[in-house]
PDB file of N, CA and C in Angstrom:
ATOM      1  N   SER A   1      -0.247   4.717  -3.551  1.00  0.00           N
ATOM      2  CA  SER A   1       0.301   4.778  -4.774  1.00  0.00           C
ATOM      3  C   SER A   1      -0.131   6.215  -5.031  1.00  0.00           C
ATOM      4  N   MET A   2      -0.982   6.748  -4.742  1.00  0.00           N
ATOM      5  CA  MET A   2      -1.390   8.301  -5.026  1.00  0.00           C
ATOM      6  C   MET A   2      -0.177   9.198  -4.697  1.00  0.00           C
ATOM      7  N   VAL A   3       0.132   8.634  -3.390  1.00  0.00           N
ATOM      8  CA  VAL A   3       1.497   9.742  -3.117  1.00  0.00           C
ATOM      9  C   VAL A   3       2.513   9.686  -3.514  1.00  0.00           C
ATOM     10  N   ALA A   4       2.844   8.588  -3.572  1.00  0.00           N
ATOM     11  CA  ALA A   4       3.952   8.172  -4.453  1.00  0.00           C
ATOM     12  C   ALA A   4       3.817   8.489  -6.009  1.00  0.00           C
ATOM     13  N   ALA A   5       3.027   8.497  -6.610  1.00  0.00           N
ATOM     14  CA  ALA A   5       2.524   9.361  -8.448  1.00  0.00           C
ATOM     15  C   ALA A   5       2.968  10.976  -7.950  1.00  0.00           C
ATOM     16  N   THR A   6       2.200  11.197  -6.940  1.00  0.00           N
ATOM     17  CA  THR A   6       2.489  12.906  -6.581  1.00  0.00           C
ATOM     18  C   THR A   6       3.996  12.945  -6.509  1.00  0.00           C
ATOM     19  N   VAL A   7       4.861  12.530  -5.257  1.00  0.00           N
ATOM     20  CA  VAL A   7       6.076  12.973  -5.594  1.00  0.00           C
ATOM     21  C   VAL A   7       6.614  13.236  -7.070  1.00  0.00           C
ATOM     22  N   LYS A   8       6.584  11.559  -7.519  1.00  0.00           N
ATOM     23  CA  LYS A   8       7.367  11.492  -8.986  1.00  0.00           C
ATOM     24  C   LYS A   8       6.850  12.313  -9.815  1.00  0.00           C
ATOM     25  N   ASN A   9       5.809  13.031  -9.712  1.00  0.00           N
ATOM     26  CA  ASN A   9       5.454  13.712 -10.771  1.00  0.00           C
ATOM     27  C   ASN A   9       5.805  15.257 -10.452  1.00  0.00           C
ATOM     28  N   ILE A  10       5.991  15.660  -9.224  1.00  0.00           N
ATOM     29  CA  ILE A  10       6.448  16.989  -8.579  1.00  0.00           C
ATOM     30  C   ILE A  10       7.707  16.935  -8.892  1.00  0.00           C
ATOM     31  N   ARG A  11       8.672  15.990  -8.802  1.00  0.00           N
ATOM     32  CA  ARG A  11      10.207  15.797  -8.829  1.00  0.00           C
ATOM     33  C   ARG A  11      10.324  15.986 -10.168  1.00  0.00           C
ATOM     34  N   SER A  12       9.784  15.419 -11.251  1.00  0.00           N
ATOM     35  CA  SER A  12       9.464  15.841 -12.674  1.00  0.00           C
ATOM     36  C   SER A  12       9.648  16.645 -12.977  1.00  0.00           C
ATOM     37  N   CYS A  13       8.644  17.517 -12.775  1.00  0.00           N
ATOM     38  CA  CYS A  13       8.271  18.878 -13.168  1.00  0.00           C
ATOM     39  C   CYS A  13       9.331  20.043 -12.565  1.00  0.00           C
ATOM     40  N   ILE A  14      10.157  19.660 -11.223  1.00  0.00           N
ATOM     41  CA  ILE A  14      11.018  20.314 -10.780  1.00  0.00           C
ATOM     42  C   ILE A  14      12.236  20.440 -11.711  1.00  0.00           C
ATOM     43  N   ALA A  15      12.357  18.987 -11.802  1.00  0.00           N
ATOM     44  CA  ALA A  15      13.312  19.117 -13.236  1.00  0.00           C
ATOM     45  C   ALA A  15      13.461  19.194 -14.639  1.00  0.00           C
ATOM     46  N   GLY A  16      11.911  20.024 -14.906  1.00  0.00           N
ATOM     47  CA  GLY A  16      11.543  20.512 -16.027  1.00  0.00           C
ATOM     48  C   GLY A  16      11.407  19.089 -17.109  1.00  0.00           C
ATOM     49  N   GLU A  17      11.191  18.278 -16.307  1.00  0.00           N
ATOM     50  CA  GLU A  17      10.588  16.903 -17.398  1.00  0.00           C
ATOM     51  C   GLU A  17       9.213  16.607 -17.203  1.00  0.00           C
ATOM     52  N   GLN A  18       8.747  16.095 -18.042  1.00  0.00           N
ATOM     53  CA  GLN A  18       6.954  15.866 -18.514  1.00  0.00           C
ATOM     54  C   GLN A  18       6.880  14.874 -17.011  1.00  0.00           C
ATOM     55  N   PRO A  19       5.754  15.196 -16.452  1.00  0.00           N
ATOM     56  CA  PRO A  19       5.143  14.101 -15.101  1.00  0.00           C
ATOM     57  C   PRO A  19       4.467  13.085 -15.819  1.00  0.00           C
ATOM     58  N   VAL A  20       4.645  11.837 -15.623  1.00  0.00           N
ATOM     59  CA  VAL A  20       4.662  10.535 -15.777  1.00  0.00           C
ATOM     60  C   VAL A  20       3.953   9.722 -15.453  1.00  0.00           C
ATOM     61  N   ALA A  21       4.088   9.405 -13.888  1.00  0.00           N
ATOM     62  CA  ALA A  21       3.906   8.884 -12.701  1.00  0.00           C
ATOM     63  C   ALA A  21       2.087   8.395 -12.677  1.00  0.00           C
ATOM     64  N   GLU A  22       1.827   7.335 -12.682  1.00  0.00           N
ATOM     65  CA  GLU A  22       0.693   6.627 -12.796  1.00  0.00           C
ATOM     66  C   GLU A  22       0.009   5.883 -11.849  1.00  0.00           C
ATOM     67  N   ALA A  23      -0.913   6.429 -10.527  1.00  0.00           N
ATOM     68  CA  ALA A  23      -0.377   5.260  -9.359  1.00  0.00           C
ATOM     69  C   ALA A  23      -1.883   4.461 -10.382  1.00  0.00           C
ATOM     70  N   THR A  24      -1.901   2.894  -9.530  1.00  0.00           N
ATOM     71  CA  THR A  24      -2.374   1.718  -9.712  1.00  0.00           C
ATOM     72  C   THR A  24      -3.783   1.452  -8.849  1.00  0.00           C
ATOM     73  N   TRP A  25      -3.897   2.309  -7.855  1.00  0.00           N
ATOM     74  CA  TRP A  25      -5.121   2.363  -7.442  1.00  0.00           C
ATOM     75  C   TRP A  25      -5.310   0.484  -6.899  1.00  0.00           C
ATOM     76  N   ASN A  26      -4.323  -0.134  -6.604  1.00  0.00           N
ATOM     77  CA  ASN A  26      -4.389  -1.006  -5.599  1.00  0.00           C
ATOM     78  C   ASN A  26      -4.947  -0.603  -4.224  1.00  0.00           C
ATOM     79  N   ALA A  27      -5.533  -1.736  -3.382  1.00  0.00           N
ATOM     80  CA  ALA A  27      -6.576  -1.617  -2.246  1.00  0.00           C
ATOM     81  C   ALA A  27      -5.969  -2.823  -1.574  1.00  0.00           C
ATOM     82  N   ILE A  28      -4.865  -2.392  -0.163  1.00  0.00           N
ATOM     83  CA  ILE A  28      -4.579  -3.461   0.571  1.00  0.00           C
ATOM     84  C   ILE A  28      -5.427  -2.843   2.119  1.00  0.00           C
ATOM     85  N   CYS A  29      -6.118  -3.758   2.765  1.00  0.00           N
ATOM     86  CA  CYS A  29      -7.036  -2.563   4.076  1.00  0.00           C
ATOM     87  C   CYS A  29      -6.557  -4.091   5.030  1.00  0.00           C
ATOM     88  N   LEU A  30      -6.634  -3.162   6.442  1.00  0.00           N
ATOM     89  CA  LEU A  30      -6.230  -4.051   7.624  1.00  0.00           C
ATOM     90  C   LEU A  30      -7.783  -3.496   8.457  1.00  0.00           C
ATOM     91  N   ALA A  31      -8.596  -4.107   8.932  1.00  0.00           N
ATOM     92  CA  ALA A  31      -9.621  -3.120   9.054  1.00  0.00           C
ATOM     93  C   ALA A  31     -10.172  -4.213  10.783  1.00  0.00           C
ATOM     94  N   ASP A  32      -9.680  -3.044  11.760  1.00  0.00           N
ATOM     95  CA  ASP A  32      -9.372  -3.647  13.376  1.00  0.00           C
ATOM     96  C   ASP A  32     -11.118  -3.194  13.530  1.00  0.00           C
ATOM     97  N   MET A  33     -11.619  -4.710  14.459  1.00  0.00           N
ATOM     98  CA  MET A  33     -12.803  -4.076  15.029  1.00  0.00           C
ATOM     99  C   MET A  33     -13.079  -5.326  16.140  1.00  0.00           C
ATOM    100  N   GLY A  34     -12.530  -4.228  17.359  1.00  0.00           N
ATOM    101  CA  GLY A  34     -12.522  -4.832  18.550  1.00  0.00           C
ATOM    102  C   GLY A  34     -11.530  -6.211  18.522  1.00  0.00           C
ATOM    103  N   ASP A  35     -11.812  -7.251  18.863  1.00  0.00           N
ATOM    104  CA  ASP A  35     -10.979  -8.897  18.945  1.00  0.00           C
ATOM    105  C   ASP A  35     -10.628  -9.673  17.819  1.00  0.00           C
ATOM    106  N   THR A  36     -11.446  -8.651  16.997  1.00  0.00           N
ATOM    107  CA  THR A  36     -11.454  -9.663  15.646  1.00  0.00           C
ATOM    108  C   THR A  36     -10.701  -7.990  14.317  1.00  0.00           C
ATOM    109  N   GLY A  37     -11.425  -8.795  13.047  1.00  0.00           N
ATOM    110  CA  GLY A  37     -10.983  -7.699  12.261  1.00  0.00           C
ATOM    111  C   GLY A  37     -11.431  -8.315  10.830  1.00  0.00           C
ATOM    112  N   MET A  38     -10.997  -7.524   9.669  1.00  0.00           N
ATOM    113  CA  MET A  38     -11.296  -7.973   8.558  1.00  0.00           C
ATOM    114  C   MET A  38     -10.225  -7.493   7.603  1.00  0.00           C
ATOM    115  N   ALA A  39      -9.377  -8.451   6.733  1.00  0.00           N
ATOM    116  CA  ALA A  39      -8.925  -8.094   6.137  1.00  0.00           C
ATOM    117  C   ALA A  39      -9.306  -8.209   4.279  1.00  0.00           C
ATOM    118  N   PHE A  40      -8.440  -7.360   3.134  1.00  0.00           N
ATOM    119  CA  PHE A  40      -8.951  -7.239   2.202  1.00  0.00           C
ATOM    120  C   PHE A  40      -7.963  -6.512   1.097  1.00  0.00           C
ATOM    121  N   VAL A  41      -7.885  -7.265  -0.078  1.00  0.00           N
ATOM    122  CA  VAL A  41      -7.050  -6.674  -1.125  1.00  0.00           C
ATOM    123  C   VAL A  41      -8.185  -6.746  -1.770  1.00  0.00           C
ATOM    124  N   ALA A  42      -7.863  -5.781  -3.306  1.00  0.00           N
ATOM    125  CA  ALA A  42      -8.875  -5.033  -4.149  1.00  0.00           C
ATOM    126  C   ALA A  42      -7.657  -4.407  -5.302  1.00  0.00           C
ATOM    127  N   LEU A  43      -7.494  -5.247  -6.290  1.00  0.00           N
ATOM    128  CA  LEU A  43      -6.962  -4.766  -7.429  1.00  0.00           C
ATOM    129  C   LEU A  43      -7.498  -4.811  -8.706  1.00  0.00           C
ATOM    130  N   PRO A  44      -7.910  -3.529  -9.250  1.00  0.00           N
ATOM    131  CA  PRO A  44      -8.180  -2.300  -8.547  1.00  0.00           C
ATOM    132  C   PRO A  44      -8.850  -2.167  -8.001  1.00  0.00           C
ATOM    133  N   GLN A  45      -8.756  -1.086  -7.269  1.00  0.00           N
ATOM    134  CA  GLN A  45      -9.667  -0.847  -6.290  1.00  0.00           C
ATOM    135  C   GLN A  45     -10.781  -0.646  -6.819  1.00  0.00           C
ATOM    136  N   ILE A  46     -10.805   0.241  -8.086  1.00  0.00           N
ATOM    137  CA  ILE A  46     -12.259   0.533  -8.456  1.00  0.00           C
ATOM    138  C   ILE A  46     -12.565  -0.768  -9.566  1.00  0.00           C
ATOM    139  N   PRO A  47     -14.129  -1.628  -9.831  1.00  0.00           N
ATOM    140  CA  PRO A  47     -14.383  -2.472 -10.647  1.00  0.00           C
ATOM    141  C   PRO A  47     -14.104  -1.514 -12.273  1.00  0.00           C
ATOM    142  N   PRO A  48     -13.599  -3.179 -12.849  1.00  0.00           N
ATOM    143  CA  PRO A  48     -13.515  -4.412 -12.544  1.00  0.00           C
ATOM    144  C   PRO A  48     -12.225  -4.632 -12.318  1.00  0.00           C
ATOM    145  N   ARG A  49     -12.101  -5.705 -11.209  1.00  0.00           N
ATOM    146  CA  ARG A  49     -11.285  -5.628 -10.688  1.00  0.00           C
ATOM    147  C   ARG A  49     -10.933  -6.958 -11.033  1.00  0.00           C
ATOM    148  N   ASN A  50      -9.436  -7.202 -11.022  1.00  0.00           N
ATOM    149  CA  ASN A  50      -8.600  -8.666 -11.325  1.00  0.00           C
ATOM    150  C   ASN A  50      -8.894  -9.440 -10.187  1.00  0.00           C
ATOM    151  N   VAL A  51      -8.420  -8.989  -8.957  1.00  0.00           N
ATOM    152  CA  VAL A  51      -8.386  -9.797  -7.486  1.00  0.00           C
ATOM    153  C   VAL A  51      -9.125  -8.896  -6.796  1.00  0.00           C
ATOM    154  N   THR A  52      -9.816  -9.888  -5.726  1.00  0.00           N
ATOM    155  CA  THR A  52     -10.925  -9.704  -4.922  1.00  0.00           C
ATOM    156  C   THR A  52     -10.683 -10.849  -3.956  1.00  0.00           C
ATOM    157  N   TRP A  53      -9.844 -10.599  -2.556  1.00  0.00           N
ATOM    158  CA  TRP A  53      -9.887 -11.220  -1.377  1.00  0.00           C
ATOM    159  C   TRP A  53     -10.001 -10.166  -0.331  1.00  0.00           C
ATOM    160  N   ALA A  54     -10.887 -11.130   0.117  1.00  0.00           N
ATOM    161  CA  ALA A  54     -11.130 -11.082   1.808  1.00  0.00           C
ATOM    162  C   ALA A  54     -11.042 -12.264   3.197  1.00  0.00           C
ATOM    163  N   LYS A  55     -10.613 -11.677   4.175  1.00  0.00           N
ATOM    164  CA  LYS A  55     -10.731 -12.596   5.224  1.00  0.00           C
ATOM    165  C   LYS A  55     -10.912 -12.121   6.687  1.00  0.00           C
ATOM    166  N   LYS A  56     -11.510 -12.560   7.442  1.00  0.00           N
ATOM    167  CA  LYS A  56     -12.279 -12.252   8.891  1.00  0.00           C
ATOM    168  C   LYS A  56     -11.471 -13.264   9.679  1.00  0.00           C
ATOM    169  N   GLY A  57     -11.159 -12.726  10.798  1.00  0.00           N
ATOM    170  CA  GLY A  57     -10.541 -13.469  12.142  1.00  0.00           C
ATOM    171  C   GLY A  57      -9.812 -12.655  13.024  1.00  0.00           C
ATOM    172  N   LYS A  58      -9.095 -13.251  14.366  1.00  0.00           N
ATOM    173  CA  LYS A  58      -8.655 -12.404  15.166  1.00  0.00           C
ATOM    174  C   LYS A  58      -7.001 -12.236  14.766  1.00  0.00           C
ATOM    175  N   TRP A  59      -6.518 -13.028  13.785  1.00  0.00           N
ATOM    176  CA  TRP A  59      -5.470 -12.423  13.390  1.00  0.00           C
ATOM    177  C   TRP A  59      -5.269 -11.482  12.656  1.00  0.00           C
ATOM    178  N   VAL A  60      -6.471 -10.663  11.945  1.00  0.00           N
ATOM    179  CA  VAL A  60      -6.185  -9.650  11.694  1.00  0.00           C
ATOM    180  C   VAL A  60      -6.261  -8.491  12.562  1.00  0.00           C
ATOM    181  N   HIS A  61      -6.678  -8.732  13.610  1.00  0.00           N
ATOM    182  CA  HIS A  61      -6.164  -7.613  14.621  1.00  0.00           C
ATOM    183  C   HIS A  61      -5.017  -7.411  15.079  1.00  0.00           C
ATOM    184  N   LEU A  62      -4.340  -9.018  15.433  1.00  0.00           N
ATOM    185  CA  LEU A  62      -2.688  -8.908  15.654  1.00  0.00           C
ATOM    186  C   LEU A  62      -1.692  -8.564  14.079  1.00  0.00           C
ATOM    187  N   ALA A  63      -2.147  -8.769  13.241  1.00  0.00           N
ATOM    188  CA  ALA A  63      -1.281  -8.174  12.114  1.00  0.00           C
ATOM    189  C   ALA A  63      -1.630  -6.515  11.991  1.00  0.00           C
ATOM    190  N   LYS A  64      -2.836  -6.008  12.631  1.00  0.00           N
ATOM    191  CA  LYS A  64      -3.123  -4.565  12.675  1.00  0.00           C
ATOM    192  C   LYS A  64      -2.174  -4.365  13.497  1.00  0.00           C
ATOM    193  N   ILE A  65      -1.884  -4.832  14.815  1.00  0.00           N
ATOM    194  CA  ILE A  65      -1.035  -4.352  15.805  1.00  0.00           C
ATOM    195  C   ILE A  65       0.385  -4.034  15.101  1.00  0.00           C
ATOM    196  N   GLY A  66       0.553  -5.418  14.572  1.00  0.00           N
ATOM    197  CA  GLY A  66       1.912  -5.579  14.363  1.00  0.00           C
ATOM    198  C   GLY A  66       2.300  -4.168  13.117  1.00  0.00           C
ATOM    199  N   PHE A  67       1.501  -4.290  12.196  1.00  0.00           N
ATOM    200  CA  PHE A  67       1.517  -3.507  11.128  1.00  0.00           C
ATOM    201  C   PHE A  67       1.718  -1.930  11.682  1.00  0.00           C
ATOM    202  N   GLU A  68       1.112  -1.819  12.414  1.00  0.00           N
ATOM    203  CA  GLU A  68       1.292  -0.541  13.004  1.00  0.00           C
ATOM    204  C   GLU A  68       2.482  -0.038  13.700  1.00  0.00           C
ATOM    205  N   LYS A  69       2.899  -1.158  14.478  1.00  0.00           N
ATOM    206  CA  LYS A  69       4.692  -0.755  15.281  1.00  0.00           C
ATOM    207  C   LYS A  69       5.398  -0.814  13.930  1.00  0.00           C
ATOM    208  N   TYR A  70       5.093  -1.455  13.099  1.00  0.00           N
ATOM    209  CA  TYR A  70       6.201  -1.885  11.788  1.00  0.00           C
ATOM    210  C   TYR A  70       6.278  -0.300  11.064  1.00  0.00           C
ATOM    211  N   PHE A  71       4.807   0.525  10.788  1.00  0.00           N
ATOM    212  CA  PHE A  71       4.683   1.400  10.365  1.00  0.00           C
ATOM    213  C   PHE A  71       5.328   2.724  10.952  1.00  0.00           C
ATOM    214  N   MET A  72       5.173   2.602  12.112  1.00  0.00           N
ATOM    215  CA  MET A  72       5.563   4.048  12.793  1.00  0.00           C
ATOM    216  C   MET A  72       7.189   3.659  13.198  1.00  0.00           C
ATOM    217  N   ARG A  73       7.521   2.902  13.284  1.00  0.00           N
ATOM    218  CA  ARG A  73       9.136   2.854  12.703  1.00  0.00           C
ATOM    219  C   ARG A  73       9.893   3.078  11.777  1.00  0.00           C
ATOM    220  N   LYS A  74       9.200   2.762  10.649  1.00  0.00           N
ATOM    221  CA  LYS A  74       9.465   2.999   9.285  1.00  0.00           C
ATOM    222  C   LYS A  74       9.643   4.521   9.097  1.00  0.00           C
ATOM    223  N   VAL A  75       8.508   5.267   9.338  1.00  0.00           N
ATOM    224  CA  VAL A  75       8.043   6.687   9.467  1.00  0.00           C
ATOM    225  C   VAL A  75       9.446   7.147  10.133  1.00  0.00           C
ATOM    226  N   ARG A  76       9.535   6.830  11.464  1.00  0.00           N
ATOM    227  CA  ARG A  76      10.575   7.189  12.535  1.00  0.00           C
ATOM    228  C   ARG A  76      11.812   7.702  11.625  1.00  0.00           C
ATOM    229  N   LYS A  77      12.124   6.154  11.092  1.00  0.00           N
ATOM    230  CA  LYS A  77      13.578   6.519  10.370  1.00  0.00           C
ATOM    231  C   LYS A  77      13.586   6.883   9.226  1.00  0.00           C
ATOM    232  N   GLY A  78      12.198   7.565   8.744  1.00  0.00           N
ATOM    233  CA  GLY A  78      12.679   8.423   7.978  1.00  0.00           C
ATOM    234  C   GLY A  78      12.668   7.397   6.160  1.00  0.00           C
ATOM    235  N   ASP A  79      12.574   6.265   6.556  1.00  0.00           N
ATOM    236  CA  ASP A  79      12.237   5.125   5.415  1.00  0.00           C
ATOM    237  C   ASP A  79      11.111   4.666   5.117  1.00  0.00           C
ATOM    238  N   THR A  80      10.165   5.600   4.199  1.00  0.00           N
ATOM    239  CA  THR A  80       8.636   5.398   4.358  1.00  0.00           C
ATOM    240  C   THR A  80       8.844   4.258   2.842  1.00  0.00           C
ATOM    241  N   ASP A  81       9.269   3.932   2.023  1.00  0.00           N
ATOM    242  CA  ASP A  81       9.707   3.132   0.871  1.00  0.00           C
ATOM    243  C   ASP A  81      10.846   2.118   0.904  1.00  0.00           C
ATOM    244  N   PRO A  82      10.953   1.563   2.179  1.00  0.00           N
ATOM    245  CA  PRO A  82      11.976   0.282   1.858  1.00  0.00           C
ATOM    246  C   PRO A  82      12.035  -0.528   1.163  1.00  0.00           C
ATOM    247  N   VAL A  83      12.838  -1.379   0.754  1.00  0.00           N
ATOM    248  CA  VAL A  83      13.112  -2.635  -0.392  1.00  0.00           C
ATOM    249  C   VAL A  83      12.416  -3.202  -0.205  1.00  0.00           C
ATOM    250  N   HIS A  84      12.673  -4.124   0.962  1.00  0.00           N
ATOM    251  CA  HIS A  84      11.976  -5.250   1.346  1.00  0.00           C
ATOM    252  C   HIS A  84      10.439  -5.045   1.419  1.00  0.00           C
ATOM    253  N   GLU A  85       9.896  -4.227   1.541  1.00  0.00           N
ATOM    254  CA  GLU A  85       8.408  -3.706   1.339  1.00  0.00           C
ATOM    255  C   GLU A  85       8.041  -4.332   0.084  1.00  0.00           C
ATOM    256  N   LYS A  86       8.762  -3.338  -1.228  1.00  0.00           N
ATOM    257  CA  LYS A  86       8.583  -2.956  -2.935  1.00  0.00           C
ATOM    258  C   LYS A  86       8.945  -4.615  -2.941  1.00  0.00           C
ATOM    259  N   PHE A  87      10.088  -5.456  -2.557  1.00  0.00           N
ATOM    260  CA  PHE A  87       9.968  -6.984  -2.990  1.00  0.00           C
ATOM    261  C   PHE A  87       8.563  -7.574  -2.664  1.00  0.00           C
ATOM    262  N   ILE A  88       8.341  -7.554  -1.079  1.00  0.00           N
ATOM    263  CA  ILE A  88       7.305  -8.853  -0.274  1.00  0.00           C
ATOM    264  C   ILE A  88       5.711  -8.044  -1.632  1.00  0.00           C
ATOM    265  N   LEU A  89       5.270  -6.605  -1.609  1.00  0.00           N
ATOM    266  CA  LEU A  89       4.509  -6.163  -2.592  1.00  0.00           C
ATOM    267  C   LEU A  89       4.298  -6.918  -3.848  1.00  0.00           C
ATOM    268  N   LYS A  90       5.566  -6.824  -4.302  1.00  0.00           N
ATOM    269  CA  LYS A  90       6.011  -6.995  -5.786  1.00  0.00           C
ATOM    270  C   LYS A  90       5.613  -8.932  -6.084  1.00  0.00           C
ATOM    271  N   MET A  91       6.243  -9.541  -5.117  1.00  0.00           N
ATOM    272  CA  MET A  91       6.073 -10.903  -4.896  1.00  0.00           C
ATOM    273  C   MET A  91       4.586 -11.398  -4.829  1.00  0.00           C
ATOM    274  N   MET A  92       3.764 -10.466  -3.684  1.00  0.00           N
ATOM    275  CA  MET A  92       1.838 -10.439  -4.000  1.00  0.00           C
ATOM    276  C   MET A  92       1.263 -10.042  -5.720  1.00  0.00           C
ATOM    277  N   GLY A  93       1.940  -9.284  -6.345  1.00  0.00           N
ATOM    278  CA  GLY A  93       1.777  -9.078  -7.817  1.00  0.00           C
ATOM    279  C   GLY A  93       0.903  -7.878  -7.741  1.00  0.00           C
ATOM    280  N   ILE A  94       1.242  -6.963  -6.183  1.00  0.00           N
ATOM    281  CA  ILE A  94       1.030  -5.590  -6.556  1.00  0.00           C
ATOM    282  C   ILE A  94       1.904  -4.246  -6.367  1.00  0.00           C
ATOM    283  N   GLU A  95       1.800  -3.639  -7.100  1.00  0.00           N
ATOM    284  CA  GLU A  95       2.676  -2.313  -7.415  1.00  0.00           C
ATOM    285  C   GLU A  95       2.049  -1.226  -6.978  1.00  0.00           C
ATOM    286  N   LYS A  96       2.908  -0.053  -6.702  1.00  0.00           N
ATOM    287  CA  LYS A  96       2.269   1.185  -6.442  1.00  0.00           C
ATOM    288  C   LYS A  96       2.491   2.194  -7.846  1.00  0.00           C
ATOM    289  N   LEU A  97       2.879   1.863  -8.819  1.00  0.00           N
ATOM    290  CA  LEU A  97       3.042   2.382  -9.794  1.00  0.00           C
ATOM    291  C   LEU A  97       3.110   1.532 -10.792  1.00  0.00           C
ATOM    292  N   LYS A  98       1.909   2.710 -11.980  1.00  0.00           N
ATOM    293  CA  LYS A  98       1.893   1.778 -12.900  1.00  0.00           C
ATOM    294  C   LYS A  98       3.071   1.691 -14.118  1.00  0.00           C
TER     295      LYS A  98
END
């Protein structure tokens, strides 16, 4: 979200407009720990939080492998902000920008 806000603000400055994009400071993390892992969501990242969720298990390790493959593919294709990703995050109540 910080990068998205920065890019939008730079684009606004180049166009001679006022920069207004602001990041939401939401955090989604998949932490790999060998054969297991920990997943957490914090909305926003800095307290007071509206949502705090954490789960541990082998599924996180597998999810991290899948996410890394997905991430590398989307970056190689140059599609760093696909529509389906925005849709899924919005369904979960997670926004990149305010």
